Structure formats: structure tokens, C-alpha cells
Amino acid sequence: MIGEKVIESKPVSLYEVKQTLSERKKDKELTYEQDITLKYAKQFSKLTKAKYEKLLKELDAVEGLDKELKVKLLDIVPVSREQVKVLVPKNVELSEELTSQLAEICAKYAPKK
């Protein structure tokens, strides 16, 4: 990585990683790191395309959520207030009402066990 620098940085969900690397794999062979990342994303991304898009749309409608928290919610898909609280950074304050709302939204799209 000599001479390379980070131009932009943004949080990306596991679903997006899986989609991006799957598309790249069709065009050319992935590097070792990309291949390992794709396997990880396939194993741990919980949502189908339809559920991902619907959940993202609902989370976008909620006021006061930053992109990083949305990505965490999309990756983990918490179903209780306690799980949502664990994902919230310490420097961010969410009301109990908002925490409950996020848990309810995510619970609708959580995979069935």
C-alpha cells in the first residue's frame, strides 16, 4: 500500500459488503483478504435484499440516527431495547422511547430462529 491513502471513509453494512464483493468476484478473482471478508459477510449478514431495503427505509425515516448507528442496526438486527442500547455509542444519548421504537422496527425484520 505504498503511496496509497484513504480518500473517503464511510460505514458500510455487511449486506453491502457481501453484494459488492460478490459482484467483484464475477469480474475477477478476489484477493485473499477480500475472499475471507466475503465468506464472513455471507456467514453473518442476516437480511435478504427485500428485508434489508425495507429496514433501511424505515431506519432512514427515524429522526436523529447517524449512518454509523444505522449500519450497526442493519448488521445486528436487535430485537430488544437492551440490545439496541448496547449498540449505541457512549457519546450518543437516545431516549427510552426511541430505543423501544428502534427495537420494534428491527424485530419486524429479524430472521426467525
C-alpha atoms as a PDB file:
ATOM      1  CA  MET A   1       0.000   0.000   0.000  1.00  0.00           C
ATOM      2  CA  ILE A   2       2.898   2.305  -0.621  1.00  0.00           C
ATOM      3  CA  GLY A   3       1.682   5.602  -1.989  1.00  0.00           C
ATOM      4  CA  GLU A   4      -1.971   4.872  -1.294  1.00  0.00           C
ATOM      5  CA  LYS A   5      -4.096   6.949   1.024  1.00  0.00           C
ATOM      6  CA  VAL A   6      -7.662   6.911   2.233  1.00  0.00           C
ATOM      7  CA  ILE A   7      -9.768   9.248   0.137  1.00  0.00           C
ATOM      8  CA  GLU A   8     -13.099   8.621   1.793  1.00  0.00           C
ATOM      9  CA  SER A   9     -14.363   6.579   4.708  1.00  0.00           C
ATOM     10  CA  LYS A  10     -17.962   5.619   5.392  1.00  0.00           C
ATOM     11  CA  PRO A  11     -19.684   2.890   7.376  1.00  0.00           C
ATOM     12  CA  VAL A  12     -20.968   0.006   5.243  1.00  0.00           C
ATOM     13  CA  SER A  13     -23.260  -2.831   6.301  1.00  0.00           C
ATOM     14  CA  LEU A  14     -22.353  -6.490   5.919  1.00  0.00           C
ATOM     15  CA  TYR A  15     -25.090  -6.864   3.317  1.00  0.00           C
ATOM     16  CA  GLU A  16     -23.498  -4.136   1.181  1.00  0.00           C
ATOM     17  CA  VAL A  17     -20.064  -5.739   1.619  1.00  0.00           C
ATOM     18  CA  LYS A  18     -21.480  -9.083   0.525  1.00  0.00           C
ATOM     19  CA  GLN A  19     -23.124  -7.552  -2.544  1.00  0.00           C
ATOM     20  CA  THR A  20     -20.050  -5.554  -3.568  1.00  0.00           C
ATOM     21  CA  LEU A  21     -17.607  -8.428  -3.193  1.00  0.00           C
ATOM     22  CA  SER A  22     -19.964 -10.871  -4.927  1.00  0.00           C
ATOM     23  CA  GLU A  23     -20.119  -8.512  -7.919  1.00  0.00           C
ATOM     24  CA  ARG A  24     -16.331  -8.136  -7.968  1.00  0.00           C
ATOM     25  CA  LYS A  25     -15.905 -11.907  -7.816  1.00  0.00           C
ATOM     26  CA  LYS A  26     -17.886 -12.234 -11.064  1.00  0.00           C
ATOM     27  CA  ASP A  27     -15.436  -9.915 -12.864  1.00  0.00           C
ATOM     28  CA  LYS A  28     -12.110 -11.031 -11.426  1.00  0.00           C
ATOM     29  CA  GLU A  29     -10.514 -13.153  -8.746  1.00  0.00           C
ATOM     30  CA  LEU A  30     -10.649 -11.689  -5.264  1.00  0.00           C
ATOM     31  CA  THR A  31      -7.572 -11.133  -3.149  1.00  0.00           C
ATOM     32  CA  TYR A  32      -7.097 -13.339  -0.089  1.00  0.00           C
ATOM     33  CA  GLU A  33      -8.418 -10.622   2.242  1.00  0.00           C
ATOM     34  CA  GLN A  34     -11.437  -9.937   0.034  1.00  0.00           C
ATOM     35  CA  ASP A  35     -12.252 -13.638  -0.167  1.00  0.00           C
ATOM     36  CA  ILE A  36     -12.106 -14.035   3.623  1.00  0.00           C
ATOM     37  CA  THR A  37     -14.260 -10.914   4.027  1.00  0.00           C
ATOM     38  CA  LEU A  38     -16.829 -12.246   1.551  1.00  0.00           C
ATOM     39  CA  LYS A  39     -17.055 -15.553   3.430  1.00  0.00           C
ATOM     40  CA  TYR A  40     -17.517 -13.657   6.706  1.00  0.00           C
ATOM     41  CA  ALA A  41     -20.199 -11.394   5.208  1.00  0.00           C
ATOM     42  CA  LYS A  42     -22.093 -14.366   3.773  1.00  0.00           C
ATOM     43  CA  GLN A  43     -21.995 -16.150   7.113  1.00  0.00           C
ATOM     44  CA  PHE A  44     -23.046 -13.233   9.313  1.00  0.00           C
ATOM     45  CA  SER A  45     -25.261 -10.959   7.219  1.00  0.00           C
ATOM     46  CA  LYS A  46     -28.747 -11.743   8.431  1.00  0.00           C
ATOM     47  CA  LEU A  47     -31.035  -9.985   5.970  1.00  0.00           C
ATOM     48  CA  THR A  48     -32.324 -10.755   2.496  1.00  0.00           C
ATOM     49  CA  LYS A  49     -32.320  -7.989  -0.096  1.00  0.00           C
ATOM     50  CA  ALA A  50     -36.018  -7.230   0.410  1.00  0.00           C
ATOM     51  CA  LYS A  51     -35.799  -7.113   4.196  1.00  0.00           C
ATOM     52  CA  TYR A  52     -32.585  -5.068   4.052  1.00  0.00           C
ATOM     53  CA  GLU A  53     -34.178  -2.435   1.816  1.00  0.00           C
ATOM     54  CA  LYS A  54     -37.363  -2.230   3.892  1.00  0.00           C
ATOM     55  CA  LEU A  55     -35.467  -1.962   7.181  1.00  0.00           C
ATOM     56  CA  LEU A  56     -33.119   0.667   5.745  1.00  0.00           C
ATOM     57  CA  LYS A  57     -36.102   2.685   4.540  1.00  0.00           C
ATOM     58  CA  GLU A  58     -37.724   2.568   7.988  1.00  0.00           C
ATOM     59  CA  LEU A  59     -34.473   3.484   9.745  1.00  0.00           C
ATOM     60  CA  ASP A  60     -33.968   6.402   7.351  1.00  0.00           C
ATOM     61  CA  ALA A  61     -37.392   7.703   8.399  1.00  0.00           C
ATOM     62  CA  VAL A  62     -36.331   7.844  12.070  1.00  0.00           C
ATOM     63  CA  GLU A  63     -35.008  11.269  13.056  1.00  0.00           C
ATOM     64  CA  GLY A  64     -31.714  11.613  14.879  1.00  0.00           C
ATOM     65  CA  LEU A  65     -29.912   8.460  13.728  1.00  0.00           C
ATOM     66  CA  ASP A  66     -26.455   8.762  12.264  1.00  0.00           C
ATOM     67  CA  LYS A  67     -25.204   6.495   9.474  1.00  0.00           C
ATOM     68  CA  GLU A  68     -22.922   4.518  11.772  1.00  0.00           C
ATOM     69  CA  LEU A  69     -25.746   3.531  14.131  1.00  0.00           C
ATOM     70  CA  LYS A  70     -27.986   2.600  11.188  1.00  0.00           C
ATOM     71  CA  VAL A  71     -25.285   0.283   9.869  1.00  0.00           C
ATOM     72  CA  LYS A  72     -24.927  -1.369  13.284  1.00  0.00           C
ATOM     73  CA  LEU A  73     -28.689  -1.855  13.476  1.00  0.00           C
ATOM     74  CA  LEU A  74     -28.738  -3.348   9.964  1.00  0.00           C
ATOM     75  CA  ASP A  75     -25.914  -5.756  10.785  1.00  0.00           C
ATOM     76  CA  ILE A  76     -27.080  -6.929  14.209  1.00  0.00           C
ATOM     77  CA  VAL A  77     -30.885  -6.526  13.841  1.00  0.00           C
ATOM     78  CA  PRO A  78     -31.544  -6.187  17.585  1.00  0.00           C
ATOM     79  CA  VAL A  79     -34.939  -7.277  18.876  1.00  0.00           C
ATOM     80  CA  SER A  80     -34.918  -5.751  22.373  1.00  0.00           C
ATOM     81  CA  ARG A  81     -34.240  -2.349  23.920  1.00  0.00           C
ATOM     82  CA  GLU A  82     -31.248  -3.749  25.771  1.00  0.00           C
ATOM     83  CA  GLN A  83     -29.659  -4.937  22.532  1.00  0.00           C
ATOM     84  CA  VAL A  84     -30.206  -1.518  20.952  1.00  0.00           C
ATOM     85  CA  LYS A  85     -28.634   0.206  23.972  1.00  0.00           C
ATOM     86  CA  VAL A  86     -25.506  -1.927  23.620  1.00  0.00           C
ATOM     87  CA  LEU A  87     -25.051  -0.726  20.031  1.00  0.00           C
ATOM     88  CA  VAL A  88     -25.368   2.977  20.830  1.00  0.00           C
ATOM     89  CA  PRO A  89     -22.014   4.761  21.327  1.00  0.00           C
ATOM     90  CA  LYS A  90     -21.434   6.208  24.788  1.00  0.00           C
ATOM     91  CA  ASN A  91     -21.353   9.777  23.500  1.00  0.00           C
ATOM     92  CA  VAL A  92     -24.851   9.447  21.975  1.00  0.00           C
ATOM     93  CA  GLU A  93     -27.984   9.771  24.082  1.00  0.00           C
ATOM     94  CA  LEU A  94     -31.160   8.055  22.898  1.00  0.00           C
ATOM     95  CA  SER A  95     -34.466   8.355  24.708  1.00  0.00           C
ATOM     96  CA  GLU A  96     -36.199   5.250  26.022  1.00  0.00           C
ATOM     97  CA  GLU A  97     -38.985   5.871  23.522  1.00  0.00           C
ATOM     98  CA  LEU A  98     -36.571   5.970  20.576  1.00  0.00           C
ATOM     99  CA  THR A  99     -34.724   2.890  21.828  1.00  0.00           C
ATOM    100  CA  SER A 100     -38.021   0.992  22.034  1.00  0.00           C
ATOM    101  CA  GLN A 101     -39.040   2.238  18.596  1.00  0.00           C
ATOM    102  CA  LEU A 102     -35.772   1.016  17.054  1.00  0.00           C
ATOM    103  CA  ALA A 103     -36.159  -2.393  18.710  1.00  0.00           C
ATOM    104  CA  GLU A 104     -39.710  -2.708  17.383  1.00  0.00           C
ATOM    105  CA  ILE A 105     -38.671  -1.744  13.864  1.00  0.00           C
ATOM    106  CA  CYS A 106     -35.767  -4.191  13.824  1.00  0.00           C
ATOM    107  CA  ALA A 107     -37.820  -7.004  15.359  1.00  0.00           C
ATOM    108  CA  LYS A 108     -40.141  -6.946  12.337  1.00  0.00           C
ATOM    109  CA  TYR A 109     -37.238  -7.849  10.070  1.00  0.00           C
ATOM    110  CA  ALA A 110     -35.204 -10.103  12.343  1.00  0.00           C
ATOM    111  CA  PRO A 111     -34.659 -13.610  10.978  1.00  0.00           C
ATOM    112  CA  LYS A 112     -36.817 -16.266  12.578  1.00  0.00           C
ATOM    113  CA  LYS A 113     -34.971 -18.806  14.697  1.00  0.00           C
END
